[in-house]
Amino acid sequence: MISPDRTEIYRYLGYRGLSPDYAVDALIDDCIGKTEAVIRPASAVGYFDVVTAYEDAVQIGDMVIHSHSLYRNMRSCTRAAMFAATIGHGADMLIRRAELGSMLKASVMQAVGAAYVEALCDEVNEDIRRTAAEQGYSCKPRFSPGYGDLPLDLQRDFERLLSMRQRLGITLTDSLLMVPSKSVTAFVGMYRGEGEVCTDIRPCSDCDMHGRCSYSKDVDR
């Protein structure tokens, strides 16, 4: 069973360099327990060839993606994994119920759900890293639609190539948000050789919002 990183929960709640008081910590424990009881972690992964022959354009499988951010992330790569991961509808149901009674509890439920799906993504990312290593590849930090200038409309390609609806029960809204909301899609670039592998799999440093995003892991509040 995946376990959420408590420091991630604090970060989502806006605590930086501080710890919440006893009451908030107790509420976090309660929300973790309730969320753990209802989540259904699931993921799907596909592997594709990569071509980066032209600046700011990346070909992954049958897609040609025009993105400076993704090009920076993948310019040395010849393969890539695409993955989708979700913890299921249960977390969304808990959040909706909490919103009816307490916005504080709803905020904590949101943070706990986000931390759970991040923990799942870390697990999927590690499986990809091991598979890549067996084939002589190293991995770049994962990169999701919505980071930098990478458009959200790529969600349709994830849906098409990974059969997200059939395999994971993930659907897209008209605005390309995923349902369940605690779901993530991402690319993981793979390059030949060992080289220097980034150990931070959340690519804040590769994002065009680096230094300005309130969710960045190296921005002080």
C-alpha atoms as a PDB file:
ATOM      1  CA  MET A   1       0.000   0.000   0.000  1.00  0.00           C
ATOM      2  CA  ILE A   2       1.287   3.450  -0.880  1.00  0.00           C
ATOM      3  CA  SER A   3       1.879   5.923   1.941  1.00  0.00           C
ATOM      4  CA  PRO A   4       1.640   9.718   1.640  1.00  0.00           C
ATOM      5  CA  ASP A   5       4.620  11.892   2.495  1.00  0.00           C
ATOM      6  CA  ARG A   6       3.523  13.999   5.448  1.00  0.00           C
ATOM      7  CA  THR A   7       5.830  16.849   4.493  1.00  0.00           C
ATOM      8  CA  GLU A   8       4.052  16.928   1.132  1.00  0.00           C
ATOM      9  CA  ILE A   9       0.711  17.278   2.909  1.00  0.00           C
ATOM     10  CA  TYR A  10       2.119  20.188   4.923  1.00  0.00           C
ATOM     11  CA  ARG A  11       3.389  21.779   1.717  1.00  0.00           C
ATOM     12  CA  TYR A  12       0.036  21.485  -0.036  1.00  0.00           C
ATOM     13  CA  LEU A  13      -1.561  23.130   3.004  1.00  0.00           C
ATOM     14  CA  GLY A  14       0.872  26.049   2.790  1.00  0.00           C
ATOM     15  CA  TYR A  15       3.242  25.186   5.648  1.00  0.00           C
ATOM     16  CA  ARG A  16       6.871  25.942   4.765  1.00  0.00           C
ATOM     17  CA  GLY A  17       9.433  25.605   7.513  1.00  0.00           C
ATOM     18  CA  LEU A  18       6.592  25.334  10.020  1.00  0.00           C
ATOM     19  CA  SER A  19       4.551  22.541  11.524  1.00  0.00           C
ATOM     20  CA  PRO A  20       0.773  22.681  12.018  1.00  0.00           C
ATOM     21  CA  ASP A  21      -0.662  22.717  15.516  1.00  0.00           C
ATOM     22  CA  TYR A  22      -1.956  19.611  17.272  1.00  0.00           C
ATOM     23  CA  ALA A  23      -5.540  20.060  16.050  1.00  0.00           C
ATOM     24  CA  VAL A  24      -4.527  20.241  12.383  1.00  0.00           C
ATOM     25  CA  ASP A  25      -2.129  17.313  12.785  1.00  0.00           C
ATOM     26  CA  ALA A  26      -4.941  15.258  14.323  1.00  0.00           C
ATOM     27  CA  LEU A  27      -7.218  16.210  11.418  1.00  0.00           C
ATOM     28  CA  ILE A  28      -4.514  15.129   8.968  1.00  0.00           C
ATOM     29  CA  ASP A  29      -4.293  11.738  10.714  1.00  0.00           C
ATOM     30  CA  ASP A  30      -8.069  11.352  10.478  1.00  0.00           C
ATOM     31  CA  CYS A  31      -8.104  12.269   6.787  1.00  0.00           C
ATOM     32  CA  ILE A  32      -5.231   9.896   6.018  1.00  0.00           C
ATOM     33  CA  GLY A  33      -7.113   7.044   7.672  1.00  0.00           C
ATOM     34  CA  LYS A  34     -10.334   7.755   5.806  1.00  0.00           C
ATOM     35  CA  THR A  35      -8.549   8.209   2.468  1.00  0.00           C
ATOM     36  CA  GLU A  36      -6.499   5.030   2.840  1.00  0.00           C
ATOM     37  CA  ALA A  37      -9.716   3.070   3.305  1.00  0.00           C
ATOM     38  CA  VAL A  38     -11.232   4.154  -0.014  1.00  0.00           C
ATOM     39  CA  ILE A  39      -8.392   4.621  -2.509  1.00  0.00           C
ATOM     40  CA  ARG A  40      -7.907   2.194  -5.386  1.00  0.00           C
ATOM     41  CA  PRO A  41      -4.446   2.902  -6.859  1.00  0.00           C
ATOM     42  CA  ALA A  42      -4.052   1.988 -10.524  1.00  0.00           C
ATOM     43  CA  SER A  43      -1.666   2.917 -13.315  1.00  0.00           C
ATOM     44  CA  ALA A  44      -0.876   2.285 -16.973  1.00  0.00           C
ATOM     45  CA  VAL A  45       2.464   2.738 -18.758  1.00  0.00           C
ATOM     46  CA  GLY A  46       3.473   2.758 -22.423  1.00  0.00           C
ATOM     47  CA  TYR A  47       6.937   3.077 -24.014  1.00  0.00           C
ATOM     48  CA  PHE A  48       7.619   4.997 -27.227  1.00  0.00           C
ATOM     49  CA  ASP A  49      10.498   6.154 -29.437  1.00  0.00           C
ATOM     50  CA  VAL A  50      11.577   9.805 -29.157  1.00  0.00           C
ATOM     51  CA  VAL A  51      13.059  12.128 -31.789  1.00  0.00           C
ATOM     52  CA  THR A  52      14.376  15.611 -30.906  1.00  0.00           C
ATOM     53  CA  ALA A  53      15.861  16.620 -34.254  1.00  0.00           C
ATOM     54  CA  TYR A  54      14.337  20.117 -34.215  1.00  0.00           C
ATOM     55  CA  GLU A  55      14.592  22.664 -31.421  1.00  0.00           C
ATOM     56  CA  ASP A  56      11.432  23.058 -29.349  1.00  0.00           C
ATOM     57  CA  ALA A  57       9.789  20.064 -31.036  1.00  0.00           C
ATOM     58  CA  VAL A  58       9.640  16.526 -29.655  1.00  0.00           C
ATOM     59  CA  GLN A  59       8.253  13.502 -31.477  1.00  0.00           C
ATOM     60  CA  ILE A  60       7.001  10.799 -29.118  1.00  0.00           C
ATOM     61  CA  GLY A  61       5.492   7.847 -30.933  1.00  0.00           C
ATOM     62  CA  ASP A  62       3.037   9.298 -33.470  1.00  0.00           C
ATOM     63  CA  MET A  63       2.844  12.716 -31.739  1.00  0.00           C
ATOM     64  CA  VAL A  64       4.817  15.820 -32.658  1.00  0.00           C
ATOM     65  CA  ILE A  65       4.754  18.145 -29.651  1.00  0.00           C
ATOM     66  CA  HIS A  66       5.843  21.764 -29.954  1.00  0.00           C
ATOM     67  CA  SER A  67       7.065  22.718 -26.483  1.00  0.00           C
ATOM     68  CA  HIS A  68      10.227  24.463 -25.327  1.00  0.00           C
ATOM     69  CA  SER A  69       9.801  23.006 -21.831  1.00  0.00           C
ATOM     70  CA  LEU A  70       9.454  19.403 -22.996  1.00  0.00           C
ATOM     71  CA  TYR A  71      12.317  19.831 -25.475  1.00  0.00           C
ATOM     72  CA  ARG A  72      14.609  21.012 -22.660  1.00  0.00           C
ATOM     73  CA  ASN A  73      13.561  18.007 -20.614  1.00  0.00           C
ATOM     74  CA  MET A  74      13.991  15.422 -23.400  1.00  0.00           C
ATOM     75  CA  ARG A  75      16.611  16.731 -25.832  1.00  0.00           C
ATOM     76  CA  SER A  76      19.040  13.882 -25.044  1.00  0.00           C
ATOM     77  CA  CYS A  77      16.378  11.148 -25.023  1.00  0.00           C
ATOM     78  CA  THR A  78      15.636   8.446 -27.566  1.00  0.00           C
ATOM     79  CA  ARG A  79      12.841   6.683 -25.662  1.00  0.00           C
ATOM     80  CA  ALA A  80      10.083   7.814 -23.322  1.00  0.00           C
ATOM     81  CA  ALA A  81       7.540   6.298 -21.004  1.00  0.00           C
ATOM     82  CA  MET A  82       4.054   7.747 -20.833  1.00  0.00           C
ATOM     83  CA  PHE A  83       2.053   6.918 -17.741  1.00  0.00           C
ATOM     84  CA  ALA A  84      -1.290   7.622 -16.144  1.00  0.00           C
ATOM     85  CA  ALA A  85      -1.966   7.016 -12.472  1.00  0.00           C
ATOM     86  CA  THR A  86      -5.017   7.451 -10.260  1.00  0.00           C
ATOM     87  CA  ILE A  87      -6.127   6.676  -6.729  1.00  0.00           C
ATOM     88  CA  GLY A  88      -9.756   6.316  -7.838  1.00  0.00           C
ATOM     89  CA  HIS A  89     -13.057   8.062  -7.127  1.00  0.00           C
ATOM     90  CA  GLY A  90     -13.105   7.467  -3.364  1.00  0.00           C
ATOM     91  CA  ALA A  91     -10.924  10.473  -2.511  1.00  0.00           C
ATOM     92  CA  ASP A  92     -13.177  12.786  -4.560  1.00  0.00           C
ATOM     93  CA  MET A  93     -16.230  11.531  -2.666  1.00  0.00           C
ATOM     94  CA  LEU A  94     -14.552  12.258   0.678  1.00  0.00           C
ATOM     95  CA  ILE A  95     -13.606  15.763  -0.458  1.00  0.00           C
ATOM     96  CA  ARG A  96     -17.166  16.525  -1.586  1.00  0.00           C
ATOM     97  CA  ARG A  97     -18.580  15.326   1.729  1.00  0.00           C
ATOM     98  CA  ALA A  98     -16.076  17.397   3.687  1.00  0.00           C
ATOM     99  CA  GLU A  99     -16.973  20.528   1.703  1.00  0.00           C
ATOM    100  CA  LEU A 100     -20.522  20.299   3.056  1.00  0.00           C
ATOM    101  CA  GLY A 101     -19.359  20.655   6.656  1.00  0.00           C
ATOM    102  CA  SER A 102     -15.874  22.136   6.976  1.00  0.00           C
ATOM    103  CA  MET A 103     -13.702  23.902   4.437  1.00  0.00           C
ATOM    104  CA  LEU A 104     -10.664  23.208   6.642  1.00  0.00           C
ATOM    105  CA  LYS A 105     -11.360  19.482   6.523  1.00  0.00           C
ATOM    106  CA  ALA A 106     -11.979  19.722   2.770  1.00  0.00           C
ATOM    107  CA  SER A 107      -8.608  21.446   2.322  1.00  0.00           C
ATOM    108  CA  VAL A 108      -6.875  18.747   4.344  1.00  0.00           C
ATOM    109  CA  MET A 109      -8.659  16.029   2.337  1.00  0.00           C
ATOM    110  CA  GLN A 110      -7.465  17.711  -0.859  1.00  0.00           C
ATOM    111  CA  ALA A 111      -3.887  17.808   0.426  1.00  0.00           C
ATOM    112  CA  VAL A 112      -3.975  14.191   1.588  1.00  0.00           C
ATOM    113  CA  GLY A 113      -5.397  13.033  -1.757  1.00  0.00           C
ATOM    114  CA  ALA A 114      -2.720  14.953  -3.640  1.00  0.00           C
ATOM    115  CA  ALA A 115       0.007  13.431  -1.476  1.00  0.00           C
ATOM    116  CA  TYR A 116      -1.375   9.930  -2.082  1.00  0.00           C
ATOM    117  CA  VAL A 117      -1.380  10.328  -5.868  1.00  0.00           C
ATOM    118  CA  GLU A 118       2.143  11.791  -5.726  1.00  0.00           C
ATOM    119  CA  ALA A 119       3.255   8.737  -3.749  1.00  0.00           C
ATOM    120  CA  LEU A 120       1.689   6.514  -6.407  1.00  0.00           C
ATOM    121  CA  CYS A 121       3.471   8.459  -9.162  1.00  0.00           C
ATOM    122  CA  ASP A 122       6.773   8.041  -7.311  1.00  0.00           C
ATOM    123  CA  GLU A 123       6.159   4.282  -7.239  1.00  0.00           C
ATOM    124  CA  VAL A 124       5.292   4.146 -10.943  1.00  0.00           C
ATOM    125  CA  ASN A 125       8.298   6.332 -11.735  1.00  0.00           C
ATOM    126  CA  GLU A 126      10.584   3.958  -9.847  1.00  0.00           C
ATOM    127  CA  ASP A 127       9.203   0.990 -11.808  1.00  0.00           C
ATOM    128  CA  ILE A 128       9.925   2.883 -15.033  1.00  0.00           C
ATOM    129  CA  ARG A 129      13.449   3.685 -13.838  1.00  0.00           C
ATOM    130  CA  ARG A 130      14.123   0.008 -13.123  1.00  0.00           C
ATOM    131  CA  THR A 131      12.756  -1.064 -16.503  1.00  0.00           C
ATOM    132  CA  ALA A 132      14.859   1.609 -18.218  1.00  0.00           C
ATOM    133  CA  ALA A 133      17.993   0.526 -16.370  1.00  0.00           C
ATOM    134  CA  GLU A 134      17.490  -3.078 -17.501  1.00  0.00           C
ATOM    135  CA  GLN A 135      17.536  -1.795 -21.099  1.00  0.00           C
ATOM    136  CA  GLY A 136      20.587   0.425 -20.626  1.00  0.00           C
ATOM    137  CA  TYR A 137      18.737   3.718 -20.182  1.00  0.00           C
ATOM    138  CA  SER A 138      18.676   6.403 -17.519  1.00  0.00           C
ATOM    139  CA  CYS A 139      15.647   8.592 -16.851  1.00  0.00           C
ATOM    140  CA  LYS A 140      14.905  12.297 -16.856  1.00  0.00           C
ATOM    141  CA  PRO A 141      12.505  13.874 -14.343  1.00  0.00           C
ATOM    142  CA  ARG A 142       8.870  13.205 -15.152  1.00  0.00           C
ATOM    143  CA  PHE A 143       7.028  15.969 -16.966  1.00  0.00           C
ATOM    144  CA  SER A 144       3.253  16.435 -17.082  1.00  0.00           C
ATOM    145  CA  PRO A 145       0.865  18.307 -19.372  1.00  0.00           C
ATOM    146  CA  GLY A 146       0.339  21.724 -17.823  1.00  0.00           C
ATOM    147  CA  TYR A 147       3.980  22.149 -16.746  1.00  0.00           C
ATOM    148  CA  GLY A 148       5.716  25.044 -18.460  1.00  0.00           C
ATOM    149  CA  ASP A 149       4.304  25.438 -21.977  1.00  0.00           C
ATOM    150  CA  LEU A 150       3.258  21.786 -22.336  1.00  0.00           C
ATOM    151  CA  PRO A 151      -0.434  21.980 -23.325  1.00  0.00           C
ATOM    152  CA  LEU A 152      -3.229  20.220 -21.486  1.00  0.00           C
ATOM    153  CA  ASP A 153      -4.744  19.030 -24.769  1.00  0.00           C
ATOM    154  CA  LEU A 154      -2.087  16.283 -24.717  1.00  0.00           C
ATOM    155  CA  GLN A 155      -4.386  14.581 -22.202  1.00  0.00           C
ATOM    156  CA  ARG A 156      -6.350  13.330 -25.216  1.00  0.00           C
ATOM    157  CA  ASP A 157      -3.234  11.550 -26.470  1.00  0.00           C
ATOM    158  CA  PHE A 158      -2.672   9.941 -23.084  1.00  0.00           C
ATOM    159  CA  GLU A 159      -6.298   8.819 -23.122  1.00  0.00           C
ATOM    160  CA  ARG A 160      -5.892   7.398 -26.641  1.00  0.00           C
ATOM    161  CA  LEU A 161      -2.502   5.719 -26.234  1.00  0.00           C
ATOM    162  CA  LEU A 162      -2.978   4.346 -22.717  1.00  0.00           C
ATOM    163  CA  SER A 163      -6.718   3.530 -22.951  1.00  0.00           C
ATOM    164  CA  MET A 164      -7.210   5.405 -19.693  1.00  0.00           C
ATOM    165  CA  ARG A 165     -10.988   5.087 -19.630  1.00  0.00           C
ATOM    166  CA  GLN A 166     -11.015   1.328 -20.182  1.00  0.00           C
ATOM    167  CA  ARG A 167      -7.970   0.432 -18.081  1.00  0.00           C
ATOM    168  CA  LEU A 168      -8.156   2.968 -15.246  1.00  0.00           C
ATOM    169  CA  GLY A 169     -11.611   4.513 -15.317  1.00  0.00           C
ATOM    170  CA  ILE A 170     -10.131   7.961 -15.999  1.00  0.00           C
ATOM    171  CA  THR A 171     -12.263  10.277 -18.143  1.00  0.00           C
ATOM    172  CA  LEU A 172     -11.658  13.838 -19.362  1.00  0.00           C
ATOM    173  CA  THR A 173     -13.946  16.821 -18.879  1.00  0.00           C
ATOM    174  CA  ASP A 174     -14.563  19.371 -21.642  1.00  0.00           C
ATOM    175  CA  SER A 175     -11.768  21.469 -20.084  1.00  0.00           C
ATOM    176  CA  LEU A 176      -9.431  18.429 -20.188  1.00  0.00           C
ATOM    177  CA  LEU A 177      -9.343  17.912 -16.434  1.00  0.00           C
ATOM    178  CA  MET A 178      -9.233  14.299 -15.319  1.00  0.00           C
ATOM    179  CA  VAL A 179     -11.931  12.487 -13.381  1.00  0.00           C
ATOM    180  CA  PRO A 180     -11.111  11.169 -10.777  1.00  0.00           C
ATOM    181  CA  SER A 181      -9.371  14.444  -9.939  1.00  0.00           C
ATOM    182  CA  LYS A 182      -6.562  12.698  -8.063  1.00  0.00           C
ATOM    183  CA  SER A 183      -5.059  11.415 -11.289  1.00  0.00           C
ATOM    184  CA  VAL A 184      -1.805  12.294 -13.040  1.00  0.00           C
ATOM    185  CA  THR A 185      -0.364  11.834 -16.524  1.00  0.00           C
ATOM    186  CA  ALA A 186       3.330  12.290 -17.290  1.00  0.00           C
ATOM    187  CA  PHE A 187       6.181  11.684 -19.703  1.00  0.00           C
ATOM    188  CA  VAL A 188       9.462  10.198 -18.491  1.00  0.00           C
ATOM    189  CA  GLY A 189      12.337  10.694 -20.937  1.00  0.00           C
ATOM    190  CA  MET A 190      14.912   7.900 -21.284  1.00  0.00           C
ATOM    191  CA  TYR A 191      18.465   8.351 -22.558  1.00  0.00           C
ATOM    192  CA  ARG A 192      21.260   5.868 -23.238  1.00  0.00           C
ATOM    193  CA  GLY A 193      23.928   5.295 -20.611  1.00  0.00           C
ATOM    194  CA  GLU A 194      24.171   6.038 -16.949  1.00  0.00           C
ATOM    195  CA  GLY A 195      25.261   9.672 -16.895  1.00  0.00           C
ATOM    196  CA  GLU A 196      24.115  11.979 -14.146  1.00  0.00           C
ATOM    197  CA  VAL A 197      20.598  11.066 -13.131  1.00  0.00           C
ATOM    198  CA  CYS A 198      18.415  13.673 -11.467  1.00  0.00           C
ATOM    199  CA  THR A 199      17.142  12.256  -8.183  1.00  0.00           C
ATOM    200  CA  ASP A 200      14.286  14.778  -7.885  1.00  0.00           C
ATOM    201  CA  ILE A 201      11.599  13.201 -10.039  1.00  0.00           C
ATOM    202  CA  ARG A 202       9.345  16.266  -9.754  1.00  0.00           C
ATOM    203  CA  PRO A 203      10.788  18.577 -12.378  1.00  0.00           C
ATOM    204  CA  CYS A 204      10.419  22.026 -10.784  1.00  0.00           C
ATOM    205  CA  SER A 205      13.805  23.092 -12.138  1.00  0.00           C
ATOM    206  CA  ASP A 206      12.722  22.303 -15.717  1.00  0.00           C
ATOM    207  CA  CYS A 207       9.484  24.287 -15.526  1.00  0.00           C
ATOM    208  CA  ASP A 208       9.085  27.772 -17.018  1.00  0.00           C
ATOM    209  CA  MET A 209       7.383  28.770 -13.747  1.00  0.00           C
ATOM    210  CA  HIS A 210      10.498  27.818 -11.765  1.00  0.00           C
ATOM    211  CA  GLY A 211      11.061  30.345  -8.987  1.00  0.00           C
ATOM    212  CA  ARG A 212       7.575  31.837  -9.311  1.00  0.00           C
ATOM    213  CA  CYS A 213       5.221  28.930  -8.608  1.00  0.00           C
ATOM    214  CA  SER A 214       3.806  28.692  -5.075  1.00  0.00           C
ATOM    215  CA  TYR A 215       4.004  24.881  -5.281  1.00  0.00           C
ATOM    216  CA  SER A 216       7.701  24.825  -6.178  1.00  0.00           C
ATOM    217  CA  LYS A 217       9.760  22.880  -3.699  1.00  0.00           C
ATOM    218  CA  ASP A 218      12.512  25.475  -3.522  1.00  0.00           C
ATOM    219  CA  VAL A 219      10.504  28.683  -3.178  1.00  0.00           C
ATOM    220  CA  ASP A 220      10.335  30.100   0.328  1.00  0.00           C
ATOM    221  CA  ARG A 221       7.106  31.565   1.594  1.00  0.00           C
END
